[in-house]
Amino acid sequence: MSAAANAADLTRTELLGGRVTCLQPAAGFRVAIDAVLLAAAVPATAGETILDAGTGIGAAALCLTARVPGATVTGLDVQGDLVTLATENAALSGLDHRAAFICGDLLSPPPDCPEDAFDHVMANPPYMKAGAGQVPADPAKALATIEGAAKLRAWLIFCGRRVKPGGTVTMVHRHDRLGEVLAGFQQFAGPIAVLPLVPKTGAAAKRVLVQGTRGGNRTIRRLRGFVLHEAGRKYTSAAESVLRDAAPLLLSADDDLA
């Protein structure tokens, strides 16, 4: 039985202070703050279109839709069960008029994801290389966390081809794979911004947000890390604003994001 078909196997999660409601499988991959931070970093405005590659249950897509009135988001995922859940989550969140979800493989893109079609593209791809760690027993979690046939380079090629000239591609990934991410971005991007996500002051970054603009002069701007937690695991006020209050986390801003 699919995850979407059996309500007893689902849990309910509220994001952005209740602006977004997500049903998700009780077992397997679970939504983390990475999805919320990713959505907050996309510089979308009303009337623009956004593609969320590897949307899963639609968490990032719906967080962006909730944050930016008038924007429309398309979510793509290879797992049909999760696409069904994402569609239901859009309805639960009252966002189904501006968020749509389709099942498809980025290695063989469906017609709903044409090239040069979106103002912005965002992605939260699997973080682990195949063979780099233990494969989770849950198949859905394995697909979400370990690269399959689509390697990181393929994700970036797909994203770079879907965004319009002048648009942005935003990705969240492991900080220790930043070199690979930047190499992939430089295939299509001009200006690139890098924002490390730091668990607490003085700690090493584990995740990183990278945003590239298609076209223009190729530069790399490295921002000081965005600190997530104070002592005792409490969120910093800056993180709280993004995670609870739907504030943007704009990598193009001139302000110091430390």
C-alpha atoms as a PDB file:
ATOM      1  CA  MET A   1       0.000   0.000   0.000  1.00  0.00           C
ATOM      2  CA  SER A   2       1.311   3.447  -0.861  1.00  0.00           C
ATOM      3  CA  ALA A   3       2.218   5.986   1.795  1.00  0.00           C
ATOM      4  CA  ALA A   4      -0.457   8.295   0.459  1.00  0.00           C
ATOM      5  CA  ALA A   5      -3.139   5.636   0.634  1.00  0.00           C
ATOM      6  CA  ASN A   6      -2.787   4.683   4.289  1.00  0.00           C
ATOM      7  CA  ALA A   7      -3.519   7.596   6.617  1.00  0.00           C
ATOM      8  CA  ALA A   8      -2.362   5.567   9.616  1.00  0.00           C
ATOM      9  CA  ASP A   9       1.185   5.711   8.213  1.00  0.00           C
ATOM     10  CA  LEU A  10       1.193   9.521   7.999  1.00  0.00           C
ATOM     11  CA  THR A  11       2.005  12.299  10.410  1.00  0.00           C
ATOM     12  CA  ARG A  12       1.046  15.968  10.245  1.00  0.00           C
ATOM     13  CA  THR A  13       3.704  18.692  10.324  1.00  0.00           C
ATOM     14  CA  GLU A  14       3.161  22.460  10.462  1.00  0.00           C
ATOM     15  CA  LEU A  15       5.725  24.773   8.836  1.00  0.00           C
ATOM     16  CA  LEU A  16       6.160  28.546   8.799  1.00  0.00           C
ATOM     17  CA  GLY A  17       4.161  29.005  11.972  1.00  0.00           C
ATOM     18  CA  GLY A  18       1.200  27.038  10.595  1.00  0.00           C
ATOM     19  CA  ARG A  19       1.073  28.681   7.179  1.00  0.00           C
ATOM     20  CA  VAL A  20       1.879  25.309   5.583  1.00  0.00           C
ATOM     21  CA  THR A  21       0.491  21.907   6.568  1.00  0.00           C
ATOM     22  CA  CYS A  22       2.302  18.767   5.418  1.00  0.00           C
ATOM     23  CA  LEU A  23       1.293  15.150   5.741  1.00  0.00           C
ATOM     24  CA  GLN A  24       4.358  12.929   5.482  1.00  0.00           C
ATOM     25  CA  PRO A  25       5.197   9.264   5.979  1.00  0.00           C
ATOM     26  CA  ALA A  26       5.846   8.387   9.621  1.00  0.00           C
ATOM     27  CA  ALA A  27       8.793   6.237   8.544  1.00  0.00           C
ATOM     28  CA  GLY A  28      11.513   7.082   6.037  1.00  0.00           C
ATOM     29  CA  PHE A  29      12.764  10.520   5.019  1.00  0.00           C
ATOM     30  CA  ARG A  30      11.360  13.385   7.113  1.00  0.00           C
ATOM     31  CA  VAL A  31      11.181  17.062   6.238  1.00  0.00           C
ATOM     32  CA  ALA A  32      13.972  19.108   7.846  1.00  0.00           C
ATOM     33  CA  ILE A  33      14.625  22.833   8.072  1.00  0.00           C
ATOM     34  CA  ASP A  34      16.749  22.591   4.916  1.00  0.00           C
ATOM     35  CA  ALA A  35      13.569  22.741   2.834  1.00  0.00           C
ATOM     36  CA  VAL A  36      12.304  25.859   4.621  1.00  0.00           C
ATOM     37  CA  LEU A  37      15.654  27.649   4.323  1.00  0.00           C
ATOM     38  CA  LEU A  38      15.885  26.726   0.641  1.00  0.00           C
ATOM     39  CA  ALA A  39      12.463  28.205  -0.069  1.00  0.00           C
ATOM     40  CA  ALA A  40      13.319  31.351   1.885  1.00  0.00           C
ATOM     41  CA  ALA A  41      16.455  31.926  -0.216  1.00  0.00           C
ATOM     42  CA  VAL A  42      14.702  32.060  -3.602  1.00  0.00           C
ATOM     43  CA  PRO A  43      14.296  35.735  -4.650  1.00  0.00           C
ATOM     44  CA  ALA A  44      10.850  35.202  -6.165  1.00  0.00           C
ATOM     45  CA  THR A  45       8.229  37.921  -6.530  1.00  0.00           C
ATOM     46  CA  ALA A  46       4.522  37.993  -7.363  1.00  0.00           C
ATOM     47  CA  GLY A  47       3.751  36.785 -10.870  1.00  0.00           C
ATOM     48  CA  GLU A  48       6.895  34.680 -11.210  1.00  0.00           C
ATOM     49  CA  THR A  49       7.112  30.933 -11.793  1.00  0.00           C
ATOM     50  CA  ILE A  50       9.297  28.577  -9.801  1.00  0.00           C
ATOM     51  CA  LEU A  51      10.297  24.937 -10.305  1.00  0.00           C
ATOM     52  CA  ASP A  52      11.107  22.775  -7.274  1.00  0.00           C
ATOM     53  CA  ALA A  53      13.186  19.822  -8.488  1.00  0.00           C
ATOM     54  CA  GLY A  54      12.943  16.787  -6.216  1.00  0.00           C
ATOM     55  CA  THR A  55       9.976  18.270  -4.388  1.00  0.00           C
ATOM     56  CA  GLY A  56       9.138  15.221  -2.230  1.00  0.00           C
ATOM     57  CA  ILE A  57       6.007  15.981  -0.199  1.00  0.00           C
ATOM     58  CA  GLY A  58       6.122  19.580  -1.401  1.00  0.00           C
ATOM     59  CA  ALA A  59       7.506  21.259   1.739  1.00  0.00           C
ATOM     60  CA  ALA A  60       9.855  23.725   0.027  1.00  0.00           C
ATOM     61  CA  ALA A  61       7.433  24.402  -2.801  1.00  0.00           C
ATOM     62  CA  LEU A  62       4.600  25.201  -0.412  1.00  0.00           C
ATOM     63  CA  CYS A  63       6.775  27.307   1.890  1.00  0.00           C
ATOM     64  CA  LEU A  64       7.750  29.464  -1.077  1.00  0.00           C
ATOM     65  CA  THR A  65       4.149  29.666  -2.291  1.00  0.00           C
ATOM     66  CA  ALA A  66       3.013  30.738   1.180  1.00  0.00           C
ATOM     67  CA  ARG A  67       5.783  33.333   1.505  1.00  0.00           C
ATOM     68  CA  VAL A  68       5.330  34.966  -1.915  1.00  0.00           C
ATOM     69  CA  PRO A  69       1.699  35.804  -2.741  1.00  0.00           C
ATOM     70  CA  GLY A  70       1.102  35.702  -6.482  1.00  0.00           C
ATOM     71  CA  ALA A  71       3.974  33.351  -7.301  1.00  0.00           C
ATOM     72  CA  THR A  72       3.218  29.929  -8.797  1.00  0.00           C
ATOM     73  CA  VAL A  73       5.289  26.832  -8.087  1.00  0.00           C
ATOM     74  CA  THR A  74       5.628  23.521  -9.916  1.00  0.00           C
ATOM     75  CA  GLY A  75       7.075  20.589  -7.998  1.00  0.00           C
ATOM     76  CA  LEU A  76       8.712  17.628  -9.753  1.00  0.00           C
ATOM     77  CA  ASP A  77       9.509  14.293  -8.134  1.00  0.00           C
ATOM     78  CA  VAL A  78      10.202  10.780  -9.351  1.00  0.00           C
ATOM     79  CA  GLN A  79       8.161   9.167  -6.543  1.00  0.00           C
ATOM     80  CA  GLY A  80       4.484   9.078  -7.395  1.00  0.00           C
ATOM     81  CA  ASP A  81       3.357   8.484  -3.814  1.00  0.00           C
ATOM     82  CA  LEU A  82       5.085  11.651  -2.680  1.00  0.00           C
ATOM     83  CA  VAL A  83       3.631  13.662  -5.558  1.00  0.00           C
ATOM     84  CA  THR A  84       0.176  12.529  -4.429  1.00  0.00           C
ATOM     85  CA  LEU A  85       0.976  13.667  -0.891  1.00  0.00           C
ATOM     86  CA  ALA A  86       2.353  16.997  -2.122  1.00  0.00           C
ATOM     87  CA  THR A  87      -0.880  17.624  -4.028  1.00  0.00           C
ATOM     88  CA  GLU A  88      -2.900  16.858  -0.897  1.00  0.00           C
ATOM     89  CA  ASN A  89      -0.634  19.086   1.176  1.00  0.00           C
ATOM     90  CA  ALA A  90      -1.215  21.973  -1.215  1.00  0.00           C
ATOM     91  CA  ALA A  91      -4.962  21.606  -0.681  1.00  0.00           C
ATOM     92  CA  LEU A  92      -4.582  21.319   3.107  1.00  0.00           C
ATOM     93  CA  SER A  93      -2.520  24.513   3.091  1.00  0.00           C
ATOM     94  CA  GLY A  94      -4.985  26.380   0.870  1.00  0.00           C
ATOM     95  CA  LEU A  95      -2.307  26.790  -1.805  1.00  0.00           C
ATOM     96  CA  ASP A  96      -3.490  24.385  -4.494  1.00  0.00           C
ATOM     97  CA  HIS A  97      -4.476  27.275  -6.784  1.00  0.00           C
ATOM     98  CA  ARG A  98      -0.794  28.289  -7.060  1.00  0.00           C
ATOM     99  CA  ALA A  99       1.103  25.024  -6.510  1.00  0.00           C
ATOM    100  CA  ALA A 100       1.016  21.979  -8.793  1.00  0.00           C
ATOM    101  CA  PHE A 101       2.975  18.736  -8.589  1.00  0.00           C
ATOM    102  CA  ILE A 102       3.992  16.304 -11.308  1.00  0.00           C
ATOM    103  CA  CYS A 103       5.683  12.920 -11.348  1.00  0.00           C
ATOM    104  CA  GLY A 104       8.733  12.655 -13.561  1.00  0.00           C
ATOM    105  CA  ASP A 105      12.430  11.901 -13.832  1.00  0.00           C
ATOM    106  CA  LEU A 106      14.885  14.762 -14.334  1.00  0.00           C
ATOM    107  CA  LEU A 107      16.981  12.449 -16.537  1.00  0.00           C
ATOM    108  CA  SER A 108      13.989  12.276 -18.892  1.00  0.00           C
ATOM    109  CA  PRO A 109      12.157  15.542 -18.200  1.00  0.00           C
ATOM    110  CA  PRO A 110       8.381  15.605 -18.684  1.00  0.00           C
ATOM    111  CA  PRO A 111       6.768  18.159 -21.034  1.00  0.00           C
ATOM    112  CA  ASP A 112       5.616  20.194 -18.019  1.00  0.00           C
ATOM    113  CA  CYS A 113       9.265  21.104 -17.346  1.00  0.00           C
ATOM    114  CA  PRO A 114      10.455  22.701 -20.603  1.00  0.00           C
ATOM    115  CA  GLU A 115      13.775  24.466 -20.953  1.00  0.00           C
ATOM    116  CA  ASP A 116      14.034  28.237 -20.367  1.00  0.00           C
ATOM    117  CA  ALA A 117      10.581  28.220 -18.760  1.00  0.00           C
ATOM    118  CA  PHE A 118      10.933  29.242 -15.100  1.00  0.00           C
ATOM    119  CA  ASP A 119      11.945  32.470 -13.406  1.00  0.00           C
ATOM    120  CA  HIS A 120      13.620  30.494 -10.615  1.00  0.00           C
ATOM    121  CA  VAL A 121      14.540  26.874  -9.925  1.00  0.00           C
ATOM    122  CA  MET A 122      15.324  25.373  -6.537  1.00  0.00           C
ATOM    123  CA  ALA A 123      16.523  21.914  -5.512  1.00  0.00           C
ATOM    124  CA  ASN A 124      17.320  19.868  -2.423  1.00  0.00           C
ATOM    125  CA  PRO A 125      18.960  16.819  -4.060  1.00  0.00           C
ATOM    126  CA  PRO A 126      20.265  13.683  -2.329  1.00  0.00           C
ATOM    127  CA  TYR A 127      23.329  14.643  -0.309  1.00  0.00           C
ATOM    128  CA  MET A 128      25.261  11.364  -0.340  1.00  0.00           C
ATOM    129  CA  LYS A 129      27.193   9.774  -3.193  1.00  0.00           C
ATOM    130  CA  ALA A 130      26.315   6.182  -4.016  1.00  0.00           C
ATOM    131  CA  GLY A 131      28.539   3.874  -1.992  1.00  0.00           C
ATOM    132  CA  ALA A 132      29.555   6.610   0.459  1.00  0.00           C
ATOM    133  CA  GLY A 133      27.484   5.330   3.361  1.00  0.00           C
ATOM    134  CA  GLN A 134      24.998   2.777   4.561  1.00  0.00           C
ATOM    135  CA  VAL A 135      21.884   2.593   2.421  1.00  0.00           C
ATOM    136  CA  PRO A 136      18.708   3.213   4.466  1.00  0.00           C
ATOM    137  CA  ALA A 137      16.376   0.232   4.661  1.00  0.00           C
ATOM    138  CA  ASP A 138      13.403   2.388   3.691  1.00  0.00           C
ATOM    139  CA  PRO A 139      13.407   2.749  -0.147  1.00  0.00           C
ATOM    140  CA  ALA A 140      11.907   6.239  -0.104  1.00  0.00           C
ATOM    141  CA  LYS A 141      14.508   7.461   2.370  1.00  0.00           C
ATOM    142  CA  ALA A 142      17.260   5.896   0.268  1.00  0.00           C
ATOM    143  CA  LEU A 143      16.042   7.762  -2.834  1.00  0.00           C
ATOM    144  CA  ALA A 144      15.913  11.036  -0.915  1.00  0.00           C
ATOM    145  CA  THR A 145      19.355  10.778   0.680  1.00  0.00           C
ATOM    146  CA  ILE A 146      21.637   8.803  -1.671  1.00  0.00           C
ATOM    147  CA  GLU A 147      22.301   9.654  -5.317  1.00  0.00           C
ATOM    148  CA  GLY A 148      20.902   7.196  -7.813  1.00  0.00           C
ATOM    149  CA  ALA A 149      21.201   7.368 -11.585  1.00  0.00           C
ATOM    150  CA  ALA A 150      20.950  11.172 -11.386  1.00  0.00           C
ATOM    151  CA  LYS A 151      24.237  12.424  -9.969  1.00  0.00           C
ATOM    152  CA  LEU A 152      24.793  15.961  -8.668  1.00  0.00           C
ATOM    153  CA  ARG A 153      26.057  17.162 -12.054  1.00  0.00           C
ATOM    154  CA  ALA A 154      22.845  15.923 -13.717  1.00  0.00           C
ATOM    155  CA  TRP A 155      20.733  17.791 -11.166  1.00  0.00           C
ATOM    156  CA  LEU A 156      22.579  21.018 -11.919  1.00  0.00           C
ATOM    157  CA  ILE A 157      22.384  20.564 -15.680  1.00  0.00           C
ATOM    158  CA  PHE A 158      18.635  19.976 -15.400  1.00  0.00           C
ATOM    159  CA  CYS A 159      18.115  23.036 -13.202  1.00  0.00           C
ATOM    160  CA  GLY A 160      20.325  25.291 -15.313  1.00  0.00           C
ATOM    161  CA  ARG A 161      18.437  24.423 -18.480  1.00  0.00           C
ATOM    162  CA  ARG A 162      14.991  25.047 -16.968  1.00  0.00           C
ATOM    163  CA  VAL A 163      15.635  28.572 -15.688  1.00  0.00           C
ATOM    164  CA  LYS A 164      15.215  31.616 -17.897  1.00  0.00           C
ATOM    165  CA  PRO A 165      18.210  33.832 -18.709  1.00  0.00           C
ATOM    166  CA  GLY A 166      18.569  36.202 -15.786  1.00  0.00           C
ATOM    167  CA  GLY A 167      16.781  33.824 -13.436  1.00  0.00           C
ATOM    168  CA  THR A 168      18.257  32.024 -10.462  1.00  0.00           C
ATOM    169  CA  VAL A 169      18.981  28.449  -9.430  1.00  0.00           C
ATOM    170  CA  THR A 170      19.173  27.868  -5.674  1.00  0.00           C
ATOM    171  CA  MET A 171      20.396  24.627  -4.116  1.00  0.00           C
ATOM    172  CA  VAL A 172      20.953  23.391  -0.572  1.00  0.00           C
ATOM    173  CA  HIS A 173      23.621  20.724  -0.133  1.00  0.00           C
ATOM    174  CA  ARG A 174      26.347  19.385   2.130  1.00  0.00           C
ATOM    175  CA  HIS A 175      29.073  21.910   2.822  1.00  0.00           C
ATOM    176  CA  ASP A 176      31.782  19.303   2.230  1.00  0.00           C
ATOM    177  CA  ARG A 177      30.578  18.957  -1.370  1.00  0.00           C
ATOM    178  CA  LEU A 178      30.633  22.692  -2.074  1.00  0.00           C
ATOM    179  CA  GLY A 179      33.430  22.301  -4.623  1.00  0.00           C
ATOM    180  CA  GLU A 180      31.291  19.927  -6.707  1.00  0.00           C
ATOM    181  CA  VAL A 181      28.283  22.216  -6.425  1.00  0.00           C
ATOM    182  CA  LEU A 182      30.274  25.249  -7.585  1.00  0.00           C
ATOM    183  CA  ALA A 183      31.769  23.298 -10.485  1.00  0.00           C
ATOM    184  CA  GLY A 184      28.267  22.399 -11.621  1.00  0.00           C
ATOM    185  CA  PHE A 185      26.966  25.949 -11.248  1.00  0.00           C
ATOM    186  CA  GLN A 186      29.796  27.364 -13.336  1.00  0.00           C
ATOM    187  CA  GLN A 187      28.441  25.502 -16.366  1.00  0.00           C
ATOM    188  CA  PHE A 188      25.644  28.063 -16.677  1.00  0.00           C
ATOM    189  CA  ALA A 189      25.779  30.664 -13.927  1.00  0.00           C
ATOM    190  CA  GLY A 190      27.267  34.132 -13.873  1.00  0.00           C
ATOM    191  CA  PRO A 191      27.176  35.603 -10.353  1.00  0.00           C
ATOM    192  CA  ILE A 192      27.143  32.919  -7.646  1.00  0.00           C
ATOM    193  CA  ALA A 193      26.426  33.484  -3.945  1.00  0.00           C
ATOM    194  CA  VAL A 194      27.443  31.008  -1.238  1.00  0.00           C
ATOM    195  CA  LEU A 195      25.867  31.016   2.239  1.00  0.00           C
ATOM    196  CA  PRO A 196      27.112  28.427   4.772  1.00  0.00           C
ATOM    197  CA  LEU A 197      24.486  27.241   7.264  1.00  0.00           C
ATOM    198  CA  VAL A 198      26.188  27.125  10.662  1.00  0.00           C
ATOM    199  CA  PRO A 199      24.642  25.046  13.495  1.00  0.00           C
ATOM    200  CA  LYS A 200      25.906  27.477  16.175  1.00  0.00           C
ATOM    201  CA  THR A 201      28.517  30.195  16.573  1.00  0.00           C
ATOM    202  CA  GLY A 202      32.025  28.780  16.202  1.00  0.00           C
ATOM    203  CA  ALA A 203      30.860  25.495  14.665  1.00  0.00           C
ATOM    204  CA  ALA A 204      31.722  24.254  11.195  1.00  0.00           C
ATOM    205  CA  ALA A 205      29.022  24.529   8.554  1.00  0.00           C
ATOM    206  CA  LYS A 206      27.294  21.273   7.629  1.00  0.00           C
ATOM    207  CA  ARG A 207      24.989  22.607   4.936  1.00  0.00           C
ATOM    208  CA  VAL A 208      25.335  25.375   2.388  1.00  0.00           C
ATOM    209  CA  LEU A 209      22.986  27.381   0.204  1.00  0.00           C
ATOM    210  CA  VAL A 210      24.312  28.203  -3.259  1.00  0.00           C
ATOM    211  CA  GLN A 211      22.554  30.489  -5.700  1.00  0.00           C
ATOM    212  CA  GLY A 212      23.565  31.201  -9.262  1.00  0.00           C
ATOM    213  CA  THR A 213      22.129  33.622 -11.787  1.00  0.00           C
ATOM    214  CA  ARG A 214      21.963  32.369 -15.348  1.00  0.00           C
ATOM    215  CA  GLY A 215      24.162  34.618 -17.455  1.00  0.00           C
ATOM    216  CA  GLY A 216      26.236  37.676 -16.622  1.00  0.00           C
ATOM    217  CA  ASN A 217      29.773  38.006 -15.307  1.00  0.00           C
ATOM    218  CA  ARG A 218      31.025  34.951 -13.456  1.00  0.00           C
ATOM    219  CA  THR A 219      31.810  35.885  -9.871  1.00  0.00           C
ATOM    220  CA  ILE A 220      31.574  34.026  -6.563  1.00  0.00           C
ATOM    221  CA  ARG A 221      30.392  35.933  -3.491  1.00  0.00           C
ATOM    222  CA  ARG A 222      30.983  34.097  -0.201  1.00  0.00           C
ATOM    223  CA  LEU A 223      28.721  35.290   2.595  1.00  0.00           C
ATOM    224  CA  ARG A 224      29.459  34.881   6.257  1.00  0.00           C
ATOM    225  CA  GLY A 225      27.620  31.911   7.768  1.00  0.00           C
ATOM    226  CA  PHE A 226      23.959  32.066   8.763  1.00  0.00           C
ATOM    227  CA  VAL A 227      23.883  30.893  12.390  1.00  0.00           C
ATOM    228  CA  LEU A 228      20.912  28.679  13.217  1.00  0.00           C
ATOM    229  CA  HIS A 229      21.085  28.045  16.964  1.00  0.00           C
ATOM    230  CA  GLU A 230      21.971  29.809  20.172  1.00  0.00           C
ATOM    231  CA  ALA A 231      23.149  27.925  23.254  1.00  0.00           C
ATOM    232  CA  GLY A 232      20.678  25.255  24.299  1.00  0.00           C
ATOM    233  CA  ARG A 233      19.520  24.584  20.733  1.00  0.00           C
ATOM    234  CA  LYS A 234      17.197  27.582  20.675  1.00  0.00           C
ATOM    235  CA  TYR A 235      16.945  29.169  17.246  1.00  0.00           C
ATOM    236  CA  THR A 236      18.615  32.542  16.741  1.00  0.00           C
ATOM    237  CA  SER A 237      16.259  35.439  16.161  1.00  0.00           C
ATOM    238  CA  ALA A 238      17.326  35.546  12.499  1.00  0.00           C
ATOM    239  CA  ALA A 239      16.606  31.839  12.046  1.00  0.00           C
ATOM    240  CA  GLU A 240      13.307  32.161  13.900  1.00  0.00           C
ATOM    241  CA  SER A 241      12.223  34.915  11.530  1.00  0.00           C
ATOM    242  CA  VAL A 242      12.854  32.667   8.524  1.00  0.00           C
ATOM    243  CA  LEU A 243      11.536  29.398   9.947  1.00  0.00           C
ATOM    244  CA  ARG A 244       8.468  30.689  11.813  1.00  0.00           C
ATOM    245  CA  ASP A 245       7.638  34.107  10.406  1.00  0.00           C
ATOM    246  CA  ALA A 246       8.258  33.429   6.697  1.00  0.00           C
ATOM    247  CA  ALA A 247      10.972  36.073   6.370  1.00  0.00           C
ATOM    248  CA  PRO A 248      13.127  35.876   3.221  1.00  0.00           C
ATOM    249  CA  LEU A 249      16.764  34.819   3.311  1.00  0.00           C
ATOM    250  CA  LEU A 250      18.029  36.681   0.279  1.00  0.00           C
ATOM    251  CA  LEU A 251      21.531  35.783  -0.860  1.00  0.00           C
ATOM    252  CA  SER A 252      21.566  38.775  -3.197  1.00  0.00           C
ATOM    253  CA  ALA A 253      21.226  41.253  -0.333  1.00  0.00           C
ATOM    254  CA  ASP A 254      24.134  43.556   0.469  1.00  0.00           C
ATOM    255  CA  ASP A 255      23.633  43.195   4.214  1.00  0.00           C
ATOM    256  CA  ASP A 256      25.934  40.928   6.215  1.00  0.00           C
ATOM    257  CA  LEU A 257      23.980  37.729   6.883  1.00  0.00           C
ATOM    258  CA  ALA A 258      26.036  36.615   9.880  1.00  0.00           C
END
